[in-house]
Amino acid sequence: MLTTIAYGLAIALNLLVILIGARFLLVPRLAATGYGVPAKQDGDGAYLIIKGLRDGTYGLLGLALLAFVGAQAEAWFMLVVALIPLGDTLIVSRNGGTKAVAFGIHFATAVALLVNAALLFAL
């Protein structure tokens, strides 16, 4: 049962990150608003596309680690990758975003990644 939950959560989290990356690639300004810090209309959209590429790549890497290396590698990956949403929490908080988005989305994501890492380490 623990294996099913740990692997299922890891797959779900990685797929969500891929979807977030795809959203930044397809509709970058809308995705930035959802992130919590709207992009300026006359700003450089390349940075938004970079975020999409980064997120998509992390999601694919997580799935590859889970499939080809195993739970321990995925656990370390989740532990390290949790730094990204923790940083996102600070970015949103310091750049005019709401606390609801900063903590309800980004910090909650970091917690989910850390919980998943703990579950994977327990296998």
N, C-alpha and C. Protein backbone atom coordinates (compact mmCIF):
# COMPACT_ATOMS: atom_id res chain seq x y z
N MET A 1 0.82 -1.20 0.00
CA MET A 1 0.00 0.00 0.00
C MET A 1 0.87 1.27 0.00
N LEU A 2 1.92 1.29 0.84
CA LEU A 2 2.81 2.45 0.90
C LEU A 2 3.50 2.67 -0.44
N THR A 3 3.89 1.58 -1.09
CA THR A 3 4.54 1.68 -2.40
C THR A 3 3.61 2.32 -3.42
N THR A 4 2.36 1.89 -3.42
CA THR A 4 1.39 2.44 -4.36
C THR A 4 1.18 3.93 -4.13
N ILE A 5 1.06 4.33 -2.88
CA ILE A 5 0.86 5.75 -2.55
C ILE A 5 2.09 6.56 -2.93
N ALA A 6 3.27 6.08 -2.57
CA ALA A 6 4.51 6.83 -2.84
C ALA A 6 4.73 6.99 -4.35
N TYR A 7 4.59 5.89 -5.08
CA TYR A 7 4.79 5.96 -6.53
C TYR A 7 3.68 6.78 -7.19
N GLY A 8 2.45 6.59 -6.76
CA GLY A 8 1.33 7.33 -7.33
C GLY A 8 1.47 8.82 -7.13
N LEU A 9 1.86 9.23 -5.94
CA LEU A 9 2.06 10.65 -5.66
C LEU A 9 3.22 11.20 -6.48
N ALA A 10 4.30 10.43 -6.60
CA ALA A 10 5.44 10.87 -7.40
C ALA A 10 5.05 11.07 -8.86
N ILE A 11 4.31 10.13 -9.40
CA ILE A 11 3.86 10.25 -10.79
C ILE A 11 2.96 11.46 -10.95
N ALA A 12 2.01 11.63 -10.04
CA ALA A 12 1.08 12.76 -10.12
C ALA A 12 1.82 14.10 -10.03
N LEU A 13 2.75 14.22 -9.11
CA LEU A 13 3.50 15.47 -8.96
C LEU A 13 4.34 15.77 -10.20
N ASN A 14 4.99 14.75 -10.73
CA ASN A 14 5.80 14.97 -11.94
C ASN A 14 4.93 15.35 -13.13
N LEU A 15 3.78 14.72 -13.28
CA LEU A 15 2.88 15.07 -14.37
C LEU A 15 2.34 16.49 -14.23
N LEU A 16 2.05 16.90 -12.99
CA LEU A 16 1.59 18.27 -12.76
C LEU A 16 2.67 19.29 -13.15
N VAL A 17 3.91 18.98 -12.84
CA VAL A 17 5.00 19.90 -13.19
C VAL A 17 5.15 19.97 -14.71
N ILE A 18 4.97 18.85 -15.40
CA ILE A 18 5.00 18.86 -16.86
C ILE A 18 3.88 19.73 -17.40
N LEU A 19 2.69 19.62 -16.82
CA LEU A 19 1.56 20.44 -17.27
C LEU A 19 1.81 21.92 -17.01
N ILE A 20 2.39 22.25 -15.87
CA ILE A 20 2.72 23.65 -15.58
C ILE A 20 3.73 24.16 -16.60
N GLY A 21 4.73 23.34 -16.90
CA GLY A 21 5.72 23.72 -17.91
C GLY A 21 5.07 23.94 -19.27
N ALA A 22 4.16 23.06 -19.65
CA ALA A 22 3.47 23.20 -20.93
C ALA A 22 2.65 24.49 -20.96
N ARG A 23 2.02 24.81 -19.85
CA ARG A 23 1.22 26.05 -19.78
C ARG A 23 2.11 27.28 -19.99
N PHE A 24 3.30 27.28 -19.39
CA PHE A 24 4.21 28.41 -19.57
C PHE A 24 4.73 28.47 -21.01
N LEU A 25 4.85 27.35 -21.68
CA LEU A 25 5.28 27.35 -23.07
C LEU A 25 4.17 27.82 -24.01
N LEU A 26 2.93 27.44 -23.70
CA LEU A 26 1.81 27.73 -24.60
C LEU A 26 1.15 29.09 -24.35
N VAL A 27 0.95 29.44 -23.09
CA VAL A 27 0.31 30.72 -22.74
C VAL A 27 1.10 31.36 -21.58
N PRO A 28 2.30 31.84 -21.90
CA PRO A 28 3.21 32.28 -20.84
C PRO A 28 2.69 33.39 -19.93
N ARG A 29 2.04 34.39 -20.48
CA ARG A 29 1.57 35.51 -19.65
C ARG A 29 0.43 35.07 -18.72
N LEU A 30 -0.46 34.25 -19.21
CA LEU A 30 -1.54 33.72 -18.37
C LEU A 30 -0.96 32.83 -17.27
N ALA A 31 0.02 32.02 -17.64
CA ALA A 31 0.66 31.15 -16.65
C ALA A 31 1.36 31.97 -15.57
N ALA A 32 1.97 33.08 -15.95
CA ALA A 32 2.64 33.94 -14.97
C ALA A 32 1.64 34.51 -13.97
N THR A 33 0.47 34.86 -14.45
CA THR A 33 -0.57 35.36 -13.55
C THR A 33 -0.96 34.27 -12.57
N GLY A 34 -1.12 33.04 -13.04
CA GLY A 34 -1.43 31.92 -12.16
C GLY A 34 -0.33 31.61 -11.18
N TYR A 35 0.90 31.88 -11.58
CA TYR A 35 2.06 31.69 -10.72
C TYR A 35 2.01 32.63 -9.52
N GLY A 36 1.41 33.79 -9.72
CA GLY A 36 1.27 34.74 -8.62
C GLY A 36 1.92 36.07 -8.85
N VAL A 37 2.70 36.20 -9.91
CA VAL A 37 3.35 37.47 -10.26
C VAL A 37 3.11 37.70 -11.74
N PRO A 38 2.12 38.51 -12.08
CA PRO A 38 1.81 38.74 -13.50
C PRO A 38 3.00 39.33 -14.25
N ALA A 39 3.14 38.91 -15.50
CA ALA A 39 4.22 39.44 -16.35
C ALA A 39 3.79 40.77 -16.96
N LYS A 40 4.74 41.63 -17.15
CA LYS A 40 4.47 42.91 -17.80
C LYS A 40 4.22 42.66 -19.28
N GLN A 41 3.27 43.38 -19.84
CA GLN A 41 2.92 43.21 -21.26
C GLN A 41 4.10 43.50 -22.18
N ASP A 42 4.91 44.49 -21.84
CA ASP A 42 6.04 44.84 -22.68
C ASP A 42 7.34 44.19 -22.23
N GLY A 43 7.23 43.25 -21.27
CA GLY A 43 8.41 42.57 -20.75
C GLY A 43 8.92 41.49 -21.70
N ASP A 44 10.04 40.92 -21.36
CA ASP A 44 10.66 39.89 -22.18
C ASP A 44 10.03 38.54 -21.87
N GLY A 45 9.23 38.06 -22.78
CA GLY A 45 8.54 36.79 -22.60
C GLY A 45 9.46 35.58 -22.61
N ALA A 46 10.71 35.77 -23.01
CA ALA A 46 11.66 34.65 -23.05
C ALA A 46 11.83 34.03 -21.66
N TYR A 47 11.80 34.85 -20.61
CA TYR A 47 11.98 34.32 -19.26
C TYR A 47 10.82 33.42 -18.86
N LEU A 48 9.65 33.71 -19.34
CA LEU A 48 8.50 32.86 -19.05
C LEU A 48 8.63 31.52 -19.77
N ILE A 49 9.13 31.56 -20.99
CA ILE A 49 9.33 30.33 -21.75
C ILE A 49 10.44 29.49 -21.10
N ILE A 50 11.46 30.15 -20.58
CA ILE A 50 12.52 29.44 -19.86
C ILE A 50 11.93 28.69 -18.67
N LYS A 51 11.02 29.32 -17.94
CA LYS A 51 10.39 28.66 -16.80
C LYS A 51 9.61 27.44 -17.27
N GLY A 52 8.92 27.56 -18.38
CA GLY A 52 8.17 26.43 -18.92
C GLY A 52 9.09 25.27 -19.28
N LEU A 53 10.19 25.58 -19.91
CA LEU A 53 11.15 24.55 -20.29
C LEU A 53 11.75 23.90 -19.05
N ARG A 54 12.09 24.71 -18.07
CA ARG A 54 12.66 24.19 -16.81
C ARG A 54 11.68 23.25 -16.13
N ASP A 55 10.44 23.69 -15.97
CA ASP A 55 9.45 22.87 -15.28
C ASP A 55 9.18 21.57 -16.03
N GLY A 56 9.00 21.67 -17.33
CA GLY A 56 8.75 20.47 -18.12
C GLY A 56 9.89 19.47 -18.02
N THR A 57 11.11 19.98 -18.06
CA THR A 57 12.29 19.12 -17.96
C THR A 57 12.37 18.45 -16.60
N TYR A 58 12.09 19.20 -15.53
CA TYR A 58 12.11 18.60 -14.19
C TYR A 58 11.07 17.49 -14.07
N GLY A 59 9.90 17.70 -14.62
CA GLY A 59 8.87 16.68 -14.58
C GLY A 59 9.28 15.42 -15.32
N LEU A 60 9.85 15.60 -16.50
CA LEU A 60 10.31 14.44 -17.28
C LEU A 60 11.46 13.72 -16.57
N LEU A 61 12.37 14.49 -15.99
CA LEU A 61 13.49 13.89 -15.26
C LEU A 61 12.97 13.07 -14.08
N GLY A 62 11.99 13.61 -13.36
CA GLY A 62 11.42 12.88 -12.23
C GLY A 62 10.80 11.56 -12.67
N LEU A 63 10.06 11.58 -13.76
CA LEU A 63 9.47 10.33 -14.27
C LEU A 63 10.54 9.35 -14.71
N ALA A 64 11.60 9.85 -15.36
CA ALA A 64 12.69 8.98 -15.79
C ALA A 64 13.41 8.35 -14.60
N LEU A 65 13.66 9.12 -13.56
CA LEU A 65 14.31 8.57 -12.37
C LEU A 65 13.45 7.49 -11.74
N LEU A 66 12.18 7.75 -11.64
CA LEU A 66 11.26 6.78 -11.04
C LEU A 66 11.22 5.49 -11.86
N ALA A 67 11.17 5.62 -13.17
CA ALA A 67 11.04 4.46 -14.04
C ALA A 67 12.33 3.66 -14.18
N PHE A 68 13.46 4.35 -14.27
CA PHE A 68 14.70 3.67 -14.63
C PHE A 68 15.72 3.51 -13.51
N VAL A 69 15.57 4.28 -12.43
CA VAL A 69 16.55 4.20 -11.34
C VAL A 69 15.89 3.67 -10.07
N GLY A 70 14.75 4.21 -9.69
CA GLY A 70 14.03 3.69 -8.54
C GLY A 70 13.65 4.73 -7.51
N ALA A 71 13.06 4.22 -6.44
CA ALA A 71 12.46 5.07 -5.42
C ALA A 71 13.49 5.93 -4.68
N GLN A 72 14.65 5.40 -4.40
CA GLN A 72 15.65 6.18 -3.65
C GLN A 72 16.12 7.39 -4.45
N ALA A 73 16.39 7.19 -5.73
CA ALA A 73 16.81 8.31 -6.58
C ALA A 73 15.69 9.34 -6.68
N GLU A 74 14.46 8.87 -6.84
CA GLU A 74 13.32 9.79 -6.92
C GLU A 74 13.14 10.55 -5.62
N ALA A 75 13.37 9.88 -4.49
CA ALA A 75 13.25 10.54 -3.18
C ALA A 75 14.26 11.68 -3.07
N TRP A 76 15.52 11.43 -3.45
CA TRP A 76 16.52 12.49 -3.41
C TRP A 76 16.16 13.62 -4.36
N PHE A 77 15.66 13.26 -5.53
CA PHE A 77 15.22 14.26 -6.51
C PHE A 77 14.12 15.14 -5.92
N MET A 78 13.10 14.53 -5.31
CA MET A 78 11.99 15.28 -4.72
C MET A 78 12.49 16.18 -3.59
N LEU A 79 13.42 15.67 -2.80
CA LEU A 79 13.96 16.45 -1.69
C LEU A 79 14.67 17.72 -2.21
N VAL A 80 15.49 17.56 -3.23
CA VAL A 80 16.22 18.70 -3.79
C VAL A 80 15.28 19.64 -4.54
N VAL A 81 14.37 19.08 -5.33
CA VAL A 81 13.47 19.90 -6.14
C VAL A 81 12.50 20.70 -5.27
N ALA A 82 12.29 20.29 -4.04
CA ALA A 82 11.41 21.05 -3.13
C ALA A 82 11.94 22.46 -2.90
N LEU A 83 13.21 22.67 -3.16
CA LEU A 83 13.78 24.02 -3.03
C LEU A 83 13.14 25.00 -4.01
N ILE A 84 12.71 24.51 -5.17
CA ILE A 84 12.13 25.40 -6.19
C ILE A 84 10.83 26.02 -5.69
N PRO A 85 9.83 25.24 -5.25
CA PRO A 85 8.62 25.91 -4.77
C PRO A 85 8.84 26.71 -3.48
N LEU A 86 9.83 26.34 -2.68
CA LEU A 86 10.15 27.17 -1.52
C LEU A 86 10.66 28.53 -1.99
N GLY A 87 11.52 28.52 -3.00
CA GLY A 87 11.98 29.78 -3.58
C GLY A 87 10.85 30.54 -4.23
N ASP A 88 9.95 29.81 -4.91
CA ASP A 88 8.79 30.46 -5.53
C ASP A 88 7.92 31.14 -4.49
N THR A 89 7.81 30.54 -3.30
CA THR A 89 7.05 31.15 -2.21
C THR A 89 7.63 32.52 -1.88
N LEU A 90 8.94 32.60 -1.77
CA LEU A 90 9.60 33.87 -1.47
C LEU A 90 9.46 34.86 -2.62
N ILE A 91 9.60 34.38 -3.84
CA ILE A 91 9.48 35.26 -5.01
C ILE A 91 8.10 35.89 -5.06
N VAL A 92 7.07 35.08 -4.91
CA VAL A 92 5.70 35.60 -4.97
C VAL A 92 5.45 36.56 -3.80
N SER A 93 5.90 36.19 -2.61
CA SER A 93 5.69 37.04 -1.43
C SER A 93 6.37 38.39 -1.57
N ARG A 94 7.56 38.41 -2.14
CA ARG A 94 8.35 39.64 -2.23
C ARG A 94 8.05 40.48 -3.46
N ASN A 95 7.20 39.97 -4.35
CA ASN A 95 6.92 40.70 -5.58
C ASN A 95 5.45 40.99 -5.78
N GLY A 96 4.75 41.22 -4.69
CA GLY A 96 3.38 41.68 -4.77
C GLY A 96 2.32 40.60 -4.90
N GLY A 97 2.72 39.35 -4.86
CA GLY A 97 1.73 38.27 -4.93
C GLY A 97 1.00 38.11 -3.61
N THR A 98 -0.12 37.43 -3.65
CA THR A 98 -0.89 37.24 -2.43
C THR A 98 -0.30 36.12 -1.57
N LYS A 99 -0.59 36.19 -0.29
CA LYS A 99 -0.17 35.12 0.61
C LYS A 99 -0.87 33.81 0.27
N ALA A 100 -2.10 33.93 -0.21
CA ALA A 100 -2.86 32.72 -0.59
C ALA A 100 -2.14 31.96 -1.69
N VAL A 101 -1.63 32.66 -2.68
CA VAL A 101 -0.90 32.00 -3.77
C VAL A 101 0.47 31.54 -3.27
N ALA A 102 1.17 32.41 -2.56
CA ALA A 102 2.52 32.06 -2.09
C ALA A 102 2.49 30.80 -1.23
N PHE A 103 1.57 30.76 -0.28
CA PHE A 103 1.55 29.63 0.64
C PHE A 103 0.59 28.52 0.21
N GLY A 104 -0.54 28.91 -0.37
CA GLY A 104 -1.54 27.93 -0.77
C GLY A 104 -1.15 27.12 -1.98
N ILE A 105 -0.29 27.68 -2.83
CA ILE A 105 0.16 26.94 -4.01
C ILE A 105 1.62 26.53 -3.85
N HIS A 106 2.52 27.50 -3.73
CA HIS A 106 3.95 27.20 -3.77
C HIS A 106 4.45 26.48 -2.51
N PHE A 107 4.11 27.00 -1.34
CA PHE A 107 4.57 26.34 -0.11
C PHE A 107 3.92 24.98 0.04
N ALA A 108 2.63 24.88 -0.32
CA ALA A 108 1.93 23.59 -0.26
C ALA A 108 2.58 22.58 -1.21
N THR A 109 3.04 23.05 -2.35
CA THR A 109 3.74 22.16 -3.29
C THR A 109 5.03 21.65 -2.68
N ALA A 110 5.77 22.54 -2.04
CA ALA A 110 7.02 22.12 -1.39
C ALA A 110 6.74 21.07 -0.33
N VAL A 111 5.69 21.26 0.45
CA VAL A 111 5.32 20.28 1.48
C VAL A 111 4.97 18.95 0.83
N ALA A 112 4.20 18.98 -0.26
CA ALA A 112 3.83 17.74 -0.95
C ALA A 112 5.08 17.01 -1.47
N LEU A 113 6.04 17.76 -1.99
CA LEU A 113 7.28 17.14 -2.47
C LEU A 113 8.06 16.52 -1.31
N LEU A 114 8.12 17.21 -0.18
CA LEU A 114 8.84 16.68 0.98
C LEU A 114 8.14 15.45 1.56
N VAL A 115 6.83 15.46 1.59
CA VAL A 115 6.08 14.29 2.05
C VAL A 115 6.34 13.12 1.11
N ASN A 116 6.31 13.39 -0.19
CA ASN A 116 6.57 12.33 -1.16
C ASN A 116 7.98 11.79 -1.01
N ALA A 117 8.96 12.67 -0.79
CA ALA A 117 10.32 12.22 -0.57
C ALA A 117 10.40 11.31 0.64
N ALA A 118 9.74 11.67 1.73
CA ALA A 118 9.74 10.83 2.93
C ALA A 118 9.11 9.47 2.65
N LEU A 119 8.00 9.46 1.92
CA LEU A 119 7.36 8.18 1.58
C LEU A 119 8.27 7.32 0.73
N LEU A 120 8.93 7.93 -0.24
CA LEU A 120 9.84 7.17 -1.10
C LEU A 120 11.06 6.66 -0.34
N PHE A 121 11.58 7.46 0.58
CA PHE A 121 12.71 7.01 1.40
C PHE A 121 12.29 5.83 2.29
N ALA A 122 11.01 5.77 2.68
CA ALA A 122 10.53 4.70 3.56
C ALA A 122 10.38 3.36 2.86
N LEU A 123 10.45 3.36 1.54
CA LEU A 123 10.28 2.09 0.79
C LEU A 123 11.51 1.22 0.89
